[in-house]
Protein backbone atom coordinates (compact mmCIF):
# COMPACT_ATOMS: atom_id res chain seq x y z
CA MET A 1 15.05 0.38 36.22
CA PRO A 2 12.72 1.47 39.13
CA GLU A 3 9.08 0.80 38.09
CA ILE A 4 5.71 2.03 39.50
CA PHE A 5 2.38 0.81 38.19
CA HIS A 6 -1.00 2.27 37.25
CA ILE A 7 -4.42 0.91 36.52
CA ALA A 8 -6.07 2.40 33.63
CA ARG A 9 -8.90 2.12 31.54
CA ARG A 10 -7.88 1.01 27.99
CA ALA A 11 -9.65 3.74 26.32
CA ASP A 12 -8.27 6.47 28.64
CA TRP A 13 -4.81 4.97 27.63
CA GLU A 14 -5.48 4.84 23.97
CA ALA A 15 -6.58 8.80 24.25
CA ALA A 16 -3.30 9.61 26.06
CA LEU A 17 -1.34 8.12 23.11
CA THR A 18 -2.88 10.56 20.83
CA GLU A 19 -2.59 13.44 23.24
CA GLY A 20 0.99 12.64 24.51
CA THR A 21 0.13 12.97 28.24
CA TYR A 22 -1.99 10.72 30.65
CA ARG A 23 -4.31 12.74 32.90
CA VAL A 24 -6.57 10.33 34.78
CA SER A 25 -5.85 9.85 38.54
CA THR A 26 -8.13 6.91 39.17
CA LEU A 27 -11.37 5.36 38.22
CA GLY A 28 -13.63 8.35 37.40
CA ARG A 29 -11.28 11.19 38.62
CA SER A 30 -8.93 13.15 36.58
CA LEU A 31 -5.62 14.72 37.61
CA GLU A 32 -7.36 18.06 37.82
CA GLN A 33 -9.90 16.75 40.47
CA GLU A 34 -7.58 14.67 42.69
CA GLY A 35 -4.22 16.57 42.27
CA PHE A 36 -2.26 13.78 41.23
CA ILE A 37 -2.18 10.29 39.54
CA HIS A 38 -2.43 7.50 41.83
CA CYS A 39 0.10 4.73 41.29
CA SER A 40 1.34 1.63 43.11
CA GLU A 41 4.40 -0.32 43.80
CA ARG A 42 4.24 -3.92 42.28
CA HIS A 43 3.17 -5.60 45.73
CA GLN A 44 0.32 -3.12 46.11
CA VAL A 45 -1.33 -3.65 42.59
CA ALA A 46 -3.51 -6.66 43.47
CA GLY A 47 -4.88 -5.04 46.78
CA VAL A 48 -5.69 -1.67 44.68
CA ALA A 49 -7.31 -3.68 41.91
CA ASN A 50 -9.42 -5.66 44.20
CA ALA A 51 -10.27 -2.59 46.41
CA PHE A 52 -11.20 0.05 43.77
CA TYR A 53 -11.81 -1.95 40.45
CA ARG A 54 -13.48 -5.29 41.51
CA GLY A 55 -15.51 -6.51 38.33
CA VAL A 56 -14.36 -3.79 36.27
CA ALA A 57 -13.33 -5.01 32.56
CA GLY A 58 -11.59 -3.16 29.76
CA LEU A 59 -8.42 -2.17 32.13
CA VAL A 60 -4.73 -2.08 31.46
CA LEU A 61 -1.78 -2.11 33.89
CA LEU A 62 0.79 0.54 32.96
CA VAL A 63 4.31 -0.28 33.90
CA ILE A 64 6.14 3.08 34.45
CA ASP A 65 9.79 3.70 34.49
CA VAL A 66 10.30 6.11 37.40
CA ASP A 67 13.42 7.65 35.98
CA ARG A 68 11.36 8.72 32.82
CA ILE A 69 8.70 10.52 34.73
CA GLY A 70 8.78 14.32 34.12
CA PRO A 71 6.43 15.57 37.10
CA ASP A 72 7.39 14.86 40.86
CA ILE A 73 6.57 11.47 42.49
CA ARG A 74 5.73 11.62 46.29
CA TYR A 75 5.33 8.52 48.47
CA GLU A 76 2.41 9.43 50.68
CA ALA A 77 -0.19 7.48 52.96
CA LEU A 78 -3.81 8.82 52.51
CA ASN A 79 -6.84 9.14 54.55
CA GLY A 80 -4.96 8.18 57.69
CA GLY A 81 -3.63 5.05 56.22
CA THR A 82 -0.05 3.77 57.18
CA GLU A 83 0.92 2.55 53.80
CA SER A 84 2.69 4.91 51.17
CA PHE A 85 1.90 4.86 47.67
CA PRO A 86 3.43 6.59 44.64
CA HIS A 87 1.60 9.67 43.48
CA ILE A 88 2.57 11.47 40.30
CA TYR A 89 2.01 15.15 40.53
CA GLY A 90 1.25 16.22 37.14
CA PRO A 91 0.43 14.71 33.67
CA LEU A 92 2.22 11.47 32.92
CA ASN A 93 4.29 11.58 29.80
CA VAL A 94 3.30 8.80 27.74
CA ASP A 95 7.06 7.69 26.91
CA ALA A 96 7.49 6.96 30.75
CA VAL A 97 5.40 3.79 30.21
CA VAL A 98 7.64 0.98 29.21
CA ALA A 99 4.74 -1.82 29.17
CA VAL A 100 1.03 -1.88 28.90
CA ARG A 101 -0.50 -5.34 30.22
CA PRO A 102 -3.97 -6.34 30.10
CA LEU A 103 -5.89 -6.42 33.32
CA GLU A 104 -9.21 -8.17 33.34
CA PRO A 105 -10.68 -9.49 36.55
CA GLY A 106 -11.77 -13.23 36.77
CA LYS A 107 -15.22 -14.56 36.56
CA ASP A 108 -15.86 -13.74 40.02
CA GLY A 109 -14.63 -10.06 39.47
CA VAL A 110 -11.44 -10.74 41.47
CA PHE A 111 -7.96 -9.75 39.98
CA SER A 112 -5.30 -12.30 40.67
CA LEU A 113 -1.89 -11.17 39.83
CA LEU A 114 1.25 -13.12 40.19
CA SER A 115 3.98 -11.42 42.11
CA SER A 116 6.50 -12.12 38.93
CA GLU A 117 4.36 -9.82 36.83
């Protein structure tokens, strides 16, 4: 099963379970504002967490089965970057999420994720 990952606030994910779709692009930005939902491949999660979510508590890591996603997925590099990240172009159907893992920073605010997660 090919997987991609999305860092979410626990409250946003819980709201999505009630609504049936997840519509948050990234911290403080909606799907409608951004145009897509930011995701990562496994090896990119720690870098994204530490670049954009350092010190933020109450997060979860959504494990998403690529084969279950309804909207288009595009791999793109943004803002002149060279690394491509998966982006979901539409609301994420909650049944595509196959696992939800707690994601909390350490006391120093840094996230440390093992590559086997």
